[in-house]
Amino acid sequence: MVLIEEVRTIAAPYMANGVELVAIARQPERGLYQAGLRHADAWQRTGNCRLFIDMRNGKAPRIFNPRAGEYVDRFPATLFPLHSGQPGGPAVKWLIASGAVHFYRYYYLVTAQEKTSGGVSA
């Protein structure tokens, strides 16, 4: 049985050329540890590579790197910064959030008026 403290040692061969270990998750229902690795040029704070380590024998059966995979892996990885609001920082996050609130308020008020007036007249 591999202890969580040993995961750093098992992941060490994968941490070359500026790659660092940023997270370790324990998944006992799957019998795995998941180590998050981040390249020096990565844009995700949580790391962009996942190293899966078997809890029973300490072997690494799989490493998932969306940037080195097929198009179906690279496309969602490219969209992640947009989804998480990373480009532009906090100012852009506030701008998008306030735009969403204003859109919701406008949509709610217009639909409420249509319901009370019996629909839109042509």
C-alpha atoms as a PDB file:
ATOM      1  CA  MET A   1       0.000   0.000   0.000  1.00  0.00           C
ATOM      2  CA  VAL A   2       1.429   3.346  -1.094  1.00  0.00           C
ATOM      3  CA  LEU A   3       1.163   6.233   1.351  1.00  0.00           C
ATOM      4  CA  ILE A   4       0.325   9.736   0.184  1.00  0.00           C
ATOM      5  CA  GLU A   5       3.776  10.921   1.318  1.00  0.00           C
ATOM      6  CA  GLU A   6       5.368   8.543  -1.224  1.00  0.00           C
ATOM      7  CA  VAL A   7       3.460  10.058  -4.158  1.00  0.00           C
ATOM      8  CA  ARG A   8       5.946  12.940  -4.428  1.00  0.00           C
ATOM      9  CA  THR A   9       8.796  10.433  -4.812  1.00  0.00           C
ATOM     10  CA  ILE A  10       6.885   8.430  -7.442  1.00  0.00           C
ATOM     11  CA  ALA A  11       6.077  11.619  -9.385  1.00  0.00           C
ATOM     12  CA  ALA A  12       9.687  12.891  -9.260  1.00  0.00           C
ATOM     13  CA  PRO A  13      10.779  11.347 -12.609  1.00  0.00           C
ATOM     14  CA  TYR A  14       7.960  13.260 -14.334  1.00  0.00           C
ATOM     15  CA  MET A  15       9.052  16.588 -12.827  1.00  0.00           C
ATOM     16  CA  ALA A  16      11.832  17.648 -15.205  1.00  0.00           C
ATOM     17  CA  ASN A  17      12.235  20.761 -17.375  1.00  0.00           C
ATOM     18  CA  GLY A  18      10.337  23.118 -15.077  1.00  0.00           C
ATOM     19  CA  VAL A  19       7.443  20.759 -14.250  1.00  0.00           C
ATOM     20  CA  GLU A  20       6.255  21.046 -10.647  1.00  0.00           C
ATOM     21  CA  LEU A  21       3.866  19.054  -8.474  1.00  0.00           C
ATOM     22  CA  VAL A  22       0.975  21.318  -7.468  1.00  0.00           C
ATOM     23  CA  ALA A  23      -1.673  18.948  -6.095  1.00  0.00           C
ATOM     24  CA  ILE A  24      -2.226  15.416  -4.842  1.00  0.00           C
ATOM     25  CA  ALA A  25      -5.722  13.965  -4.675  1.00  0.00           C
ATOM     26  CA  ARG A  26      -6.606  10.641  -3.081  1.00  0.00           C
ATOM     27  CA  GLN A  27      -9.314   8.589  -4.836  1.00  0.00           C
ATOM     28  CA  PRO A  28      -9.784   5.451  -2.731  1.00  0.00           C
ATOM     29  CA  GLU A  29     -12.922   4.351  -4.605  1.00  0.00           C
ATOM     30  CA  ARG A  30     -10.788   4.010  -7.746  1.00  0.00           C
ATOM     31  CA  GLY A  31      -7.656   2.884  -5.930  1.00  0.00           C
ATOM     32  CA  LEU A  32      -5.658   5.814  -7.286  1.00  0.00           C
ATOM     33  CA  TYR A  33      -3.756   8.906  -6.349  1.00  0.00           C
ATOM     34  CA  GLN A  34      -3.983  11.776  -8.805  1.00  0.00           C
ATOM     35  CA  ALA A  35      -0.978  14.083  -8.943  1.00  0.00           C
ATOM     36  CA  GLY A  36      -1.437  17.445 -10.658  1.00  0.00           C
ATOM     37  CA  LEU A  37       1.658  18.551 -12.555  1.00  0.00           C
ATOM     38  CA  ARG A  38       2.157  22.025 -13.984  1.00  0.00           C
ATOM     39  CA  HIS A  39       4.586  22.982 -16.734  1.00  0.00           C
ATOM     40  CA  ALA A  40       6.487  26.239 -16.463  1.00  0.00           C
ATOM     41  CA  ASP A  41       4.390  27.767 -19.262  1.00  0.00           C
ATOM     42  CA  ALA A  42       1.033  26.426 -18.026  1.00  0.00           C
ATOM     43  CA  TRP A  43      -1.956  28.763 -17.732  1.00  0.00           C
ATOM     44  CA  GLN A  44      -3.957  26.640 -15.311  1.00  0.00           C
ATOM     45  CA  ARG A  45      -3.162  27.233 -11.651  1.00  0.00           C
ATOM     46  CA  THR A  46      -4.118  23.649 -10.759  1.00  0.00           C
ATOM     47  CA  GLY A  47      -1.789  22.113 -13.340  1.00  0.00           C
ATOM     48  CA  ASN A  48      -2.483  20.797 -16.755  1.00  0.00           C
ATOM     49  CA  CYS A  49      -1.103  17.244 -16.504  1.00  0.00           C
ATOM     50  CA  ARG A  50      -2.532  14.502 -14.350  1.00  0.00           C
ATOM     51  CA  LEU A  51      -0.433  11.566 -13.217  1.00  0.00           C
ATOM     52  CA  PHE A  52      -2.482   8.626 -11.962  1.00  0.00           C
ATOM     53  CA  ILE A  53      -0.701   6.387  -9.440  1.00  0.00           C
ATOM     54  CA  ASP A  54      -2.006   2.996  -8.311  1.00  0.00           C
ATOM     55  CA  MET A  55      -2.453   2.928  -4.508  1.00  0.00           C
ATOM     56  CA  ARG A  56      -1.650  -0.777  -4.259  1.00  0.00           C
ATOM     57  CA  ASN A  57       1.666  -1.038  -6.090  1.00  0.00           C
ATOM     58  CA  GLY A  58       2.828   2.561  -6.712  1.00  0.00           C
ATOM     59  CA  LYS A  59       2.975   2.218 -10.484  1.00  0.00           C
ATOM     60  CA  ALA A  60       1.866   5.083 -12.715  1.00  0.00           C
ATOM     61  CA  PRO A  61      -0.494   3.418 -15.206  1.00  0.00           C
ATOM     62  CA  ARG A  62      -1.515   6.627 -16.938  1.00  0.00           C
ATOM     63  CA  ILE A  63      -0.494  10.234 -17.415  1.00  0.00           C
ATOM     64  CA  PHE A  64      -3.025  12.605 -18.921  1.00  0.00           C
ATOM     65  CA  ASN A  65      -1.643  15.651 -20.712  1.00  0.00           C
ATOM     66  CA  PRO A  66      -4.389  17.487 -22.632  1.00  0.00           C
ATOM     67  CA  ARG A  67      -1.860  19.641 -24.483  1.00  0.00           C
ATOM     68  CA  ALA A  68      -0.123  16.595 -25.972  1.00  0.00           C
ATOM     69  CA  GLY A  69      -3.270  14.629 -26.764  1.00  0.00           C
ATOM     70  CA  GLU A  70      -5.566  14.538 -29.719  1.00  0.00           C
ATOM     71  CA  TYR A  71      -7.742  17.440 -30.814  1.00  0.00           C
ATOM     72  CA  VAL A  72     -10.627  16.208 -28.655  1.00  0.00           C
ATOM     73  CA  ASP A  73      -8.362  16.648 -25.588  1.00  0.00           C
ATOM     74  CA  ARG A  74      -6.708  19.906 -26.626  1.00  0.00           C
ATOM     75  CA  PHE A  75      -9.878  21.831 -27.514  1.00  0.00           C
ATOM     76  CA  PRO A  76     -11.515  21.790 -24.031  1.00  0.00           C
ATOM     77  CA  ALA A  77      -8.114  22.458 -22.432  1.00  0.00           C
ATOM     78  CA  THR A  78      -7.816  25.559 -24.608  1.00  0.00           C
ATOM     79  CA  LEU A  79     -11.268  26.772 -23.549  1.00  0.00           C
ATOM     80  CA  PHE A  80     -10.624  26.335 -19.816  1.00  0.00           C
ATOM     81  CA  PRO A  81      -9.143  29.827 -19.245  1.00  0.00           C
ATOM     82  CA  LEU A  82     -12.227  31.420 -20.808  1.00  0.00           C
ATOM     83  CA  HIS A  83     -14.543  29.310 -18.669  1.00  0.00           C
ATOM     84  CA  SER A  84     -12.652  30.118 -15.477  1.00  0.00           C
ATOM     85  CA  GLY A  85     -12.320  33.838 -16.254  1.00  0.00           C
ATOM     86  CA  GLN A  86      -8.524  33.878 -16.189  1.00  0.00           C
ATOM     87  CA  PRO A  87      -7.922  36.243 -19.160  1.00  0.00           C
ATOM     88  CA  GLY A  88      -8.137  39.848 -18.019  1.00  0.00           C
ATOM     89  CA  GLY A  89      -8.106  39.087 -14.311  1.00  0.00           C
ATOM     90  CA  PRO A  90     -10.641  40.273 -11.716  1.00  0.00           C
ATOM     91  CA  ALA A  91     -11.796  43.299 -13.743  1.00  0.00           C
ATOM     92  CA  VAL A  92     -13.041  41.078 -16.571  1.00  0.00           C
ATOM     93  CA  LYS A  93     -14.701  38.689 -14.102  1.00  0.00           C
ATOM     94  CA  TRP A  94     -16.623  41.608 -12.560  1.00  0.00           C
ATOM     95  CA  LEU A  95     -17.557  42.953 -15.978  1.00  0.00           C
ATOM     96  CA  ILE A  96     -18.936  39.594 -17.128  1.00  0.00           C
ATOM     97  CA  ALA A  97     -20.779  39.035 -13.841  1.00  0.00           C
ATOM     98  CA  SER A  98     -22.386  42.486 -13.918  1.00  0.00           C
ATOM     99  CA  GLY A  99     -23.353  41.982 -17.574  1.00  0.00           C
ATOM    100  CA  ALA A 100     -25.016  38.700 -16.681  1.00  0.00           C
ATOM    101  CA  VAL A 101     -26.929  40.324 -13.817  1.00  0.00           C
ATOM    102  CA  HIS A 102     -28.134  43.156 -16.046  1.00  0.00           C
ATOM    103  CA  PHE A 103     -29.154  40.715 -18.784  1.00  0.00           C
ATOM    104  CA  TYR A 104     -31.071  38.596 -16.263  1.00  0.00           C
ATOM    105  CA  ARG A 105     -32.829  41.648 -14.800  1.00  0.00           C
ATOM    106  CA  TYR A 106     -33.758  42.936 -18.268  1.00  0.00           C
ATOM    107  CA  TYR A 107     -34.979  39.520 -19.414  1.00  0.00           C
ATOM    108  CA  TYR A 108     -36.981  39.017 -16.223  1.00  0.00           C
ATOM    109  CA  LEU A 109     -38.603  42.469 -16.425  1.00  0.00           C
ATOM    110  CA  VAL A 110     -39.502  42.113 -20.117  1.00  0.00           C
ATOM    111  CA  THR A 111     -41.025  38.655 -19.667  1.00  0.00           C
ATOM    112  CA  ALA A 112     -42.902  39.813 -16.564  1.00  0.00           C
ATOM    113  CA  GLN A 113     -44.374  42.737 -18.526  1.00  0.00           C
ATOM    114  CA  GLU A 114     -45.371  40.439 -21.407  1.00  0.00           C
ATOM    115  CA  LYS A 115     -47.142  38.099 -19.014  1.00  0.00           C
ATOM    116  CA  THR A 116     -49.113  40.890 -17.379  1.00  0.00           C
ATOM    117  CA  SER A 117     -49.994  42.626 -20.662  1.00  0.00           C
ATOM    118  CA  GLY A 118     -51.053  39.400 -22.368  1.00  0.00           C
ATOM    119  CA  GLY A 119     -48.226  39.199 -24.884  1.00  0.00           C
ATOM    120  CA  VAL A 120     -46.536  41.420 -27.381  1.00  0.00           C
ATOM    121  CA  SER A 121     -48.822  43.321 -29.743  1.00  0.00           C
ATOM    122  CA  ALA A 122     -47.837  43.415 -33.396  1.00  0.00           C
END
